[in-house]
PDB file of N, CA and C in Angstrom:
ATOM      1  N   UNK A   1     119.753 124.099 115.791  1.00  0.00           N
ATOM      2  CA  UNK A   1     120.159 125.007 115.495  1.00  0.00           C
ATOM      3  C   UNK A   1     120.216 125.230 113.936  1.00  0.00           C
ATOM      4  N   UNK A   2     119.787 126.555 113.368  1.00  0.00           N
ATOM      5  CA  UNK A   2     119.583 126.672 111.815  1.00  0.00           C
ATOM      6  C   UNK A   2     120.815 127.778 111.666  1.00  0.00           C
ATOM      7  N   UNK A   3     121.437 127.883 110.164  1.00  0.00           N
ATOM      8  CA  UNK A   3     121.904 128.809 109.837  1.00  0.00           C
ATOM      9  C   UNK A   3     121.038 130.032 109.534  1.00  0.00           C
ATOM     10  N   UNK A   4     119.861 130.107 109.669  1.00  0.00           N
ATOM     11  CA  UNK A   4     118.944 130.775 109.369  1.00  0.00           C
ATOM     12  C   UNK A   4     118.060 132.137 110.840  1.00  0.00           C
ATOM     13  N   UNK A   5     118.214 132.896 110.539  1.00  0.00           N
ATOM     14  CA  UNK A   5     117.697 133.651 111.634  1.00  0.00           C
ATOM     15  C   UNK A   5     116.892 134.570 111.158  1.00  0.00           C
ATOM     16  N   UNK A   6     115.262 134.544 111.966  1.00  0.00           N
ATOM     17  CA  UNK A   6     114.448 135.119 111.466  1.00  0.00           C
ATOM     18  C   UNK A   6     114.037 136.166 112.344  1.00  0.00           C
ATOM     19  N   UNK A   7     114.257 137.560 112.103  1.00  0.00           N
ATOM     20  CA  UNK A   7     113.503 138.761 112.956  1.00  0.00           C
ATOM     21  C   UNK A   7     112.125 139.218 112.284  1.00  0.00           C
ATOM     22  N   UNK A   8     111.536 139.385 113.387  1.00  0.00           N
ATOM     23  CA  UNK A   8     110.213 140.015 112.733  1.00  0.00           C
ATOM     24  C   UNK A   8     109.746 141.113 113.689  1.00  0.00           C
ATOM     25  N   UNK A   9     108.531 142.305 113.706  1.00  0.00           N
ATOM     26  CA  UNK A   9     108.476 143.295 114.377  1.00  0.00           C
ATOM     27  C   UNK A   9     107.508 142.879 115.612  1.00  0.00           C
ATOM     28  N   UNK A  10     107.900 143.451 116.625  1.00  0.00           N
ATOM     29  CA  UNK A  10     107.314 143.097 117.984  1.00  0.00           C
ATOM     30  C   UNK A  10     105.951 143.256 117.993  1.00  0.00           C
ATOM     31  N   UNK A  11     105.508 144.856 117.337  1.00  0.00           N
ATOM     32  CA  UNK A  11     104.395 145.069 117.207  1.00  0.00           C
ATOM     33  C   UNK A  11     104.283 145.415 115.878  1.00  0.00           C
ATOM     34  N   UNK A  12     103.309 144.588 115.144  1.00  0.00           N
ATOM     35  CA  UNK A  12     102.485 145.129 113.834  1.00  0.00           C
ATOM     36  C   UNK A  12     102.509 146.533 113.617  1.00  0.00           C
ATOM     37  N   UNK A  13     102.151 146.991 112.405  1.00  0.00           N
ATOM     38  CA  UNK A  13     101.420 148.090 112.438  1.00  0.00           C
ATOM     39  C   UNK A  13     100.105 147.809 111.624  1.00  0.00           C
ATOM     40  N   UNK A  14      99.460 146.768 111.678  1.00  0.00           N
ATOM     41  CA  UNK A  14      98.358 146.718 111.769  1.00  0.00           C
ATOM     42  C   UNK A  14      97.977 146.006 109.979  1.00  0.00           C
ATOM     43  N   UNK A  15      99.118 146.033 109.129  1.00  0.00           N
ATOM     44  CA  UNK A  15      98.914 145.595 108.145  1.00  0.00           C
ATOM     45  C   UNK A  15     100.392 144.942 107.387  1.00  0.00           C
ATOM     46  N   UNK A  16     100.111 143.906 106.520  1.00  0.00           N
ATOM     47  CA  UNK A  16     101.507 143.110 106.477  1.00  0.00           C
ATOM     48  C   UNK A  16     102.072 144.125 105.272  1.00  0.00           C
ATOM     49  N   UNK A  17     101.017 144.690 104.796  1.00  0.00           N
ATOM     50  CA  UNK A  17     102.106 145.372 103.778  1.00  0.00           C
ATOM     51  C   UNK A  17     102.873 146.631 104.045  1.00  0.00           C
ATOM     52  N   UNK A  18     102.311 147.063 105.355  1.00  0.00           N
ATOM     53  CA  UNK A  18     102.918 148.316 105.987  1.00  0.00           C
ATOM     54  C   UNK A  18     104.084 147.721 106.955  1.00  0.00           C
ATOM     55  N   UNK A  19     103.726 146.163 107.688  1.00  0.00           N
ATOM     56  CA  UNK A  19     105.001 145.748 108.089  1.00  0.00           C
ATOM     57  C   UNK A  19     106.187 145.413 107.174  1.00  0.00           C
ATOM     58  N   UNK A  20     105.896 144.924 106.095  1.00  0.00           N
ATOM     59  CA  UNK A  20     107.052 144.533 104.945  1.00  0.00           C
ATOM     60  C   UNK A  20     107.513 146.156 104.748  1.00  0.00           C
ATOM     61  N   UNK A  21     107.143 147.084 104.485  1.00  0.00           N
ATOM     62  CA  UNK A  21     107.677 148.362 104.170  1.00  0.00           C
ATOM     63  C   UNK A  21     108.578 148.823 105.231  1.00  0.00           C
ATOM     64  N   UNK A  22     107.895 148.606 106.152  1.00  0.00           N
ATOM     65  CA  UNK A  22     108.847 149.105 107.549  1.00  0.00           C
ATOM     66  C   UNK A  22     110.224 148.512 107.527  1.00  0.00           C
ATOM     67  N   UNK A  23     109.930 146.881 107.470  1.00  0.00           N
ATOM     68  CA  UNK A  23     111.264 146.147 107.541  1.00  0.00           C
ATOM     69  C   UNK A  23     112.083 146.475 106.040  1.00  0.00           C
ATOM     70  N   UNK A  24     111.630 146.653 104.867  1.00  0.00           N
ATOM     71  CA  UNK A  24     112.540 146.975 103.870  1.00  0.00           C
ATOM     72  C   UNK A  24     112.944 148.046 103.995  1.00  0.00           C
ATOM     73  N   UNK A  25     112.244 149.079 104.913  1.00  0.00           N
ATOM     74  CA  UNK A  25     113.241 150.488 104.767  1.00  0.00           C
ATOM     75  C   UNK A  25     114.358 150.092 106.113  1.00  0.00           C
ATOM     76  N   UNK A  26     113.952 149.522 106.704  1.00  0.00           N
ATOM     77  CA  UNK A  26     115.091 148.926 107.562  1.00  0.00           C
ATOM     78  C   UNK A  26     116.565 148.414 107.336  1.00  0.00           C
ATOM     79  N   UNK A  27     115.920 147.256 106.220  1.00  0.00           N
ATOM     80  CA  UNK A  27     116.934 146.340 105.194  1.00  0.00           C
ATOM     81  C   UNK A  27     117.830 147.570 104.539  1.00  0.00           C
ATOM     82  N   UNK A  28     116.944 148.489 104.019  1.00  0.00           N
ATOM     83  CA  UNK A  28     117.787 149.479 102.892  1.00  0.00           C
ATOM     84  C   UNK A  28     118.513 150.374 103.754  1.00  0.00           C
ATOM     85  N   UNK A  29     118.296 150.528 105.022  1.00  0.00           N
ATOM     86  CA  UNK A  29     119.104 151.705 105.655  1.00  0.00           C
ATOM     87  C   UNK A  29     120.468 150.855 106.447  1.00  0.00           C
ATOM     88  N   UNK A  30     120.250 149.790 106.724  1.00  0.00           N
ATOM     89  CA  UNK A  30     121.318 148.935 107.271  1.00  0.00           C
ATOM     90  C   UNK A  30     122.506 148.688 106.205  1.00  0.00           C
ATOM     91  N   UNK A  31     122.082 148.582 104.907  1.00  0.00           N
ATOM     92  CA  UNK A  31     122.848 148.176 103.730  1.00  0.00           C
ATOM     93  C   UNK A  31     123.359 149.756 103.549  1.00  0.00           C
ATOM     94  N   UNK A  32     122.738 150.678 103.078  1.00  0.00           N
ATOM     95  CA  UNK A  32     123.456 152.255 103.172  1.00  0.00           C
ATOM     96  C   UNK A  32     124.487 152.609 104.095  1.00  0.00           C
ATOM     97  N   UNK A  33     123.859 152.654 105.425  1.00  0.00           N
ATOM     98  CA  UNK A  33     124.781 153.041 106.387  1.00  0.00           C
ATOM     99  C   UNK A  33     125.787 152.434 106.913  1.00  0.00           C
ATOM    100  N   UNK A  34     125.746 151.088 107.166  1.00  0.00           N
ATOM    101  CA  UNK A  34     126.454 149.834 107.336  1.00  0.00           C
ATOM    102  C   UNK A  34     127.345 149.097 106.822  1.00  0.00           C
ATOM    103  N   UNK A  35     126.969 149.103 105.294  1.00  0.00           N
ATOM    104  CA  UNK A  35     127.114 147.922 104.652  1.00  0.00           C
ATOM    105  C   UNK A  35     127.117 146.232 105.020  1.00  0.00           C
ATOM    106  N   UNK A  36     126.045 146.318 105.788  1.00  0.00           N
ATOM    107  CA  UNK A  36     125.521 145.282 105.981  1.00  0.00           C
ATOM    108  C   UNK A  36     124.156 144.638 105.211  1.00  0.00           C
ATOM    109  N   UNK A  37     124.383 143.287 104.586  1.00  0.00           N
ATOM    110  CA  UNK A  37     123.070 142.863 103.688  1.00  0.00           C
ATOM    111  C   UNK A  37     122.063 141.781 104.296  1.00  0.00           C
ATOM    112  N   UNK A  38     120.801 142.162 104.591  1.00  0.00           N
ATOM    113  CA  UNK A  38     119.954 141.420 105.045  1.00  0.00           C
ATOM    114  C   UNK A  38     118.552 141.658 104.009  1.00  0.00           C
ATOM    115  N   UNK A  39     118.122 140.530 104.346  1.00  0.00           N
ATOM    116  CA  UNK A  39     117.193 140.303 103.665  1.00  0.00           C
ATOM    117  C   UNK A  39     115.519 140.162 104.128  1.00  0.00           C
ATOM    118  N   UNK A  40     114.387 140.885 103.295  1.00  0.00           N
ATOM    119  CA  UNK A  40     113.235 140.858 104.046  1.00  0.00           C
ATOM    120  C   UNK A  40     112.640 139.090 103.327  1.00  0.00           C
ATOM    121  N   UNK A  41     111.916 138.766 104.419  1.00  0.00           N
ATOM    122  CA  UNK A  41     110.862 137.687 103.601  1.00  0.00           C
ATOM    123  C   UNK A  41     109.572 137.968 103.393  1.00  0.00           C
ATOM    124  N   UNK A  42     109.089 137.680 102.241  1.00  0.00           N
ATOM    125  CA  UNK A  42     107.929 138.212 101.916  1.00  0.00           C
ATOM    126  C   UNK A  42     106.899 137.067 101.662  1.00  0.00           C
ATOM    127  N   UNK A  43     105.662 137.217 102.014  1.00  0.00           N
ATOM    128  CA  UNK A  43     105.008 136.077 101.832  1.00  0.00           C
ATOM    129  C   UNK A  43     103.985 135.819 100.698  1.00  0.00           C
ATOM    130  N   UNK A  44     103.820 134.413 100.263  1.00  0.00           N
ATOM    131  CA  UNK A  44     103.365 134.526  99.014  1.00  0.00           C
ATOM    132  C   UNK A  44     101.697 133.544  98.971  1.00  0.00           C
ATOM    133  N   UNK A  45     100.791 133.641  98.178  1.00  0.00           N
ATOM    134  CA  UNK A  45      99.972 132.786  98.583  1.00  0.00           C
ATOM    135  C   UNK A  45      99.807 131.507  98.027  1.00  0.00           C
ATOM    136  N   UNK A  46     101.188 131.059  97.518  1.00  0.00           N
ATOM    137  CA  UNK A  46     101.349 129.548  97.448  1.00  0.00           C
ATOM    138  C   UNK A  46     102.438 129.220  98.639  1.00  0.00           C
ATOM    139  N   UNK A  47     102.649 129.955  99.585  1.00  0.00           N
ATOM    140  CA  UNK A  47     103.175 129.407 100.737  1.00  0.00           C
ATOM    141  C   UNK A  47     102.338 128.558 101.375  1.00  0.00           C
ATOM    142  N   UNK A  48     102.957 127.589 101.881  1.00  0.00           N
ATOM    143  CA  UNK A  48     102.621 126.319 102.424  1.00  0.00           C
ATOM    144  C   UNK A  48     102.320 126.617 103.990  1.00  0.00           C
ATOM    145  N   UNK A  49     103.373 127.609 104.905  1.00  0.00           N
ATOM    146  CA  UNK A  49     103.462 127.695 106.062  1.00  0.00           C
ATOM    147  C   UNK A  49     103.355 129.415 106.230  1.00  0.00           C
ATOM    148  N   UNK A  50     102.473 129.951 106.743  1.00  0.00           N
ATOM    149  CA  UNK A  50     102.133 131.250 106.988  1.00  0.00           C
ATOM    150  C   UNK A  50     103.110 132.087 108.200  1.00  0.00           C
ATOM    151  N   UNK A  51     104.214 132.165 107.623  1.00  0.00           N
ATOM    152  CA  UNK A  51     105.336 132.863 108.254  1.00  0.00           C
ATOM    153  C   UNK A  51     104.852 134.524 108.496  1.00  0.00           C
ATOM    154  N   UNK A  52     104.991 135.221 109.299  1.00  0.00           N
ATOM    155  CA  UNK A  52     104.916 136.791 109.439  1.00  0.00           C
ATOM    156  C   UNK A  52     106.347 137.248 108.757  1.00  0.00           C
ATOM    157  N   UNK A  53     106.065 138.389 107.939  1.00  0.00           N
ATOM    158  CA  UNK A  53     107.015 139.052 106.992  1.00  0.00           C
ATOM    159  C   UNK A  53     108.011 139.154 108.189  1.00  0.00           C
ATOM    160  N   UNK A  54     109.337 139.339 107.676  1.00  0.00           N
ATOM    161  CA  UNK A  54     110.511 139.978 108.718  1.00  0.00           C
ATOM    162  C   UNK A  54     111.764 139.528 107.845  1.00  0.00           C
ATOM    163  N   UNK A  55     112.653 139.933 108.652  1.00  0.00           N
ATOM    164  CA  UNK A  55     114.016 139.732 108.056  1.00  0.00           C
ATOM    165  C   UNK A  55     114.749 138.549 108.208  1.00  0.00           C
ATOM    166  N   UNK A  56     115.425 137.964 107.132  1.00  0.00           N
ATOM    167  CA  UNK A  56     116.035 137.020 107.219  1.00  0.00           C
ATOM    168  C   UNK A  56     117.447 137.224 107.289  1.00  0.00           C
ATOM    169  N   UNK A  57     118.330 136.400 108.192  1.00  0.00           N
ATOM    170  CA  UNK A  57     120.032 136.514 108.425  1.00  0.00           C
ATOM    171  C   UNK A  57     120.273 135.143 108.126  1.00  0.00           C
ATOM    172  N   UNK A  58     121.328 135.017 107.120  1.00  0.00           N
ATOM    173  CA  UNK A  58     121.801 133.838 107.057  1.00  0.00           C
ATOM    174  C   UNK A  58     123.638 133.972 107.500  1.00  0.00           C
ATOM    175  N   UNK A  59     123.622 132.498 108.552  1.00  0.00           N
ATOM    176  CA  UNK A  59     124.712 132.654 109.299  1.00  0.00           C
ATOM    177  C   UNK A  59     125.850 131.646 108.860  1.00  0.00           C
ATOM    178  N   UNK A  60     126.718 131.600 108.399  1.00  0.00           N
ATOM    179  CA  UNK A  60     127.681 130.610 108.071  1.00  0.00           C
ATOM    180  C   UNK A  60     129.253 130.432 108.955  1.00  0.00           C
ATOM    181  N   UNK A  61     129.443 129.583 108.658  1.00  0.00           N
ATOM    182  CA  UNK A  61     130.992 129.217 109.431  1.00  0.00           C
ATOM    183  C   UNK A  61     131.759 130.001 108.913  1.00  0.00           C
ATOM    184  N   UNK A  62     131.508 131.084 107.960  1.00  0.00           N
ATOM    185  CA  UNK A  62     132.808 131.598 107.275  1.00  0.00           C
ATOM    186  C   UNK A  62     132.494 132.982 108.186  1.00  0.00           C
ATOM    187  N   UNK A  63     131.288 133.409 108.594  1.00  0.00           N
ATOM    188  CA  UNK A  63     131.149 134.368 109.711  1.00  0.00           C
ATOM    189  C   UNK A  63     132.028 134.470 110.769  1.00  0.00           C
ATOM    190  N   UNK A  64     132.594 135.659 111.003  1.00  0.00           N
ATOM    191  CA  UNK A  64     133.463 136.134 112.282  1.00  0.00           C
ATOM    192  C   UNK A  64     132.689 136.496 113.547  1.00  0.00           C
ATOM    193  N   UNK A  65     132.991 136.384 114.798  1.00  0.00           N
ATOM    194  CA  UNK A  65     132.450 136.686 115.965  1.00  0.00           C
ATOM    195  C   UNK A  65     131.889 138.407 115.452  1.00  0.00           C
ATOM    196  N   UNK A  66     133.327 138.756 115.016  1.00  0.00           N
ATOM    197  CA  UNK A  66     133.078 140.303 114.634  1.00  0.00           C
ATOM    198  C   UNK A  66     132.219 140.587 113.784  1.00  0.00           C
ATOM    199  N   UNK A  67     131.619 139.797 112.490  1.00  0.00           N
ATOM    200  CA  UNK A  67     130.921 139.986 111.512  1.00  0.00           C
ATOM    201  C   UNK A  67     129.375 140.087 112.233  1.00  0.00           C
ATOM    202  N   UNK A  68     129.421 139.054 113.008  1.00  0.00           N
ATOM    203  CA  UNK A  68     127.857 138.878 113.862  1.00  0.00           C
ATOM    204  C   UNK A  68     127.664 140.133 114.761  1.00  0.00           C
ATOM    205  N   UNK A  69     128.603 140.596 115.493  1.00  0.00           N
ATOM    206  CA  UNK A  69     128.748 141.612 116.210  1.00  0.00           C
ATOM    207  C   UNK A  69     128.244 143.145 115.581  1.00  0.00           C
ATOM    208  N   UNK A  70     128.546 142.980 114.064  1.00  0.00           N
ATOM    209  CA  UNK A  70     128.419 144.036 113.272  1.00  0.00           C
ATOM    210  C   UNK A  70     126.669 144.172 113.208  1.00  0.00           C
ATOM    211  N   UNK A  71     126.654 142.916 112.806  1.00  0.00           N
ATOM    212  CA  UNK A  71     125.104 142.784 112.263  1.00  0.00           C
ATOM    213  C   UNK A  71     124.297 143.674 113.359  1.00  0.00           C
ATOM    214  N   UNK A  72     124.102 142.869 114.308  1.00  0.00           N
ATOM    215  CA  UNK A  72     123.545 143.069 115.572  1.00  0.00           C
ATOM    216  C   UNK A  72     123.669 144.615 115.996  1.00  0.00           C
ATOM    217  N   UNK A  73     124.815 145.003 115.852  1.00  0.00           N
ATOM    218  CA  UNK A  73     125.032 146.779 116.440  1.00  0.00           C
ATOM    219  C   UNK A  73     124.038 147.496 115.063  1.00  0.00           C
ATOM    220  N   UNK A  74     124.697 147.302 113.779  1.00  0.00           N
ATOM    221  CA  UNK A  74     123.911 147.904 112.521  1.00  0.00           C
ATOM    222  C   UNK A  74     122.241 147.875 112.767  1.00  0.00           C
ATOM    223  N   UNK A  75     121.668 146.680 112.968  1.00  0.00           N
ATOM    224  CA  UNK A  75     120.326 146.416 113.343  1.00  0.00           C
ATOM    225  C   UNK A  75     119.773 147.181 114.053  1.00  0.00           C
ATOM    226  N   UNK A  76     120.575 146.880 115.122  1.00  0.00           N
ATOM    227  CA  UNK A  76     119.666 148.328 116.399  1.00  0.00           C
ATOM    228  C   UNK A  76     119.578 149.572 116.488  1.00  0.00           C
ATOM    229  N   UNK A  77     120.783 149.876 115.779  1.00  0.00           N
ATOM    230  CA  UNK A  77     121.424 151.432 115.592  1.00  0.00           C
ATOM    231  C   UNK A  77     120.188 151.786 114.418  1.00  0.00           C
ATOM    232  N   UNK A  78     120.138 151.320 113.608  1.00  0.00           N
ATOM    233  CA  UNK A  78     118.866 151.887 112.725  1.00  0.00           C
ATOM    234  C   UNK A  78     117.502 151.659 113.112  1.00  0.00           C
ATOM    235  N   UNK A  79     117.507 150.497 113.527  1.00  0.00           N
ATOM    236  CA  UNK A  79     115.776 150.398 114.186  1.00  0.00           C
ATOM    237  C   UNK A  79     115.647 151.535 115.213  1.00  0.00           C
ATOM    238  N   UNK A  80     116.592 151.755 116.162  1.00  0.00           N
ATOM    239  CA  UNK A  80     116.447 152.752 117.131  1.00  0.00           C
ATOM    240  C   UNK A  80     116.160 154.207 116.414  1.00  0.00           C
ATOM    241  N   UNK A  81     117.040 154.487 115.456  1.00  0.00           N
ATOM    242  CA  UNK A  81     116.526 155.438 114.643  1.00  0.00           C
ATOM    243  C   UNK A  81     115.308 155.403 113.722  1.00  0.00           C
ATOM    244  N   UNK A  82     114.805 154.388 113.176  1.00  0.00           N
ATOM    245  CA  UNK A  82     113.604 154.360 112.463  1.00  0.00           C
ATOM    246  C   UNK A  82     112.759 154.370 113.101  1.00  0.00           C
ATOM    247  N   UNK A  83     112.449 153.737 114.739  1.00  0.00           N
ATOM    248  CA  UNK A  83     111.596 153.525 115.410  1.00  0.00           C
ATOM    249  C   UNK A  83     110.968 155.138 116.254  1.00  0.00           C
ATOM    250  N   UNK A  84     112.077 155.693 116.070  1.00  0.00           N
ATOM    251  CA  UNK A  84     111.879 157.256 116.801  1.00  0.00           C
ATOM    252  C   UNK A  84     111.709 158.318 116.064  1.00  0.00           C
ATOM    253  N   UNK A  85     111.511 158.131 114.744  1.00  0.00           N
ATOM    254  CA  UNK A  85     111.465 158.978 113.736  1.00  0.00           C
ATOM    255  C   UNK A  85     110.057 159.450 113.544  1.00  0.00           C
TER     256      UNK A  85
END
């Protein structure tokens, strides 16, 4: 178990730069529309681990079940509208 939840695109756009832009747009809209802050993970040339670009969510004991539900629903809502546009 880890306090870090890592989300990535199910289907890549074909380039890391485009994938990162899609995820940054998602994170921006989740913040603007639902006041939920999530961060994108960026890869670096100095990284020893080649993780795909994605969204990182940090969960702590201070988060309530309601907080976690809001994050899930916010991400689902924005993703649904973003990927159908």
